[in-house]
């Protein structure tokens, strides 16, 4: 037995899946906004107190890193926040680019944290990278 969808049943199926899709979109926007806010906040806190990065000692290199981290994290965080707040998921290409850049930046931070032996930086960056890049994968597959 084969099933042939009529236009009415096809519309019903499409309409039924819209609330779930909209809910997923709101969750993705919220989770990525929180991740961007936390990364931006961490960068600002590191400017105020570089010891918050979790390194064993604060020296001129750690202070330089805190400045460099903020120089990258603050604009990327604001850009991700602006794209998500203004476009939501309606402007898919902009969202995909913003989240990919944020995710790759987090992977870079994870690598730096691993090389420098800073566990807090590794954990935070890993979580941010997973959130941003997994969201990219989900959004890219959506129709």
Foldseek 3Di string as FASTA:
>chain_A
DDDDDDPVNVVVVVVVCVVVVVVVLVVLLVVLLVLLVVQLVVLVVCQVPLCVLQAPDDDPVSNVVSVVSNVPSNVLSVLQNVCCVVCRCVPVVSNLVSLVVQLVVLVVQLVVCVVRVRVVSNVSSVVSNCSSVVSSVVSVPDD
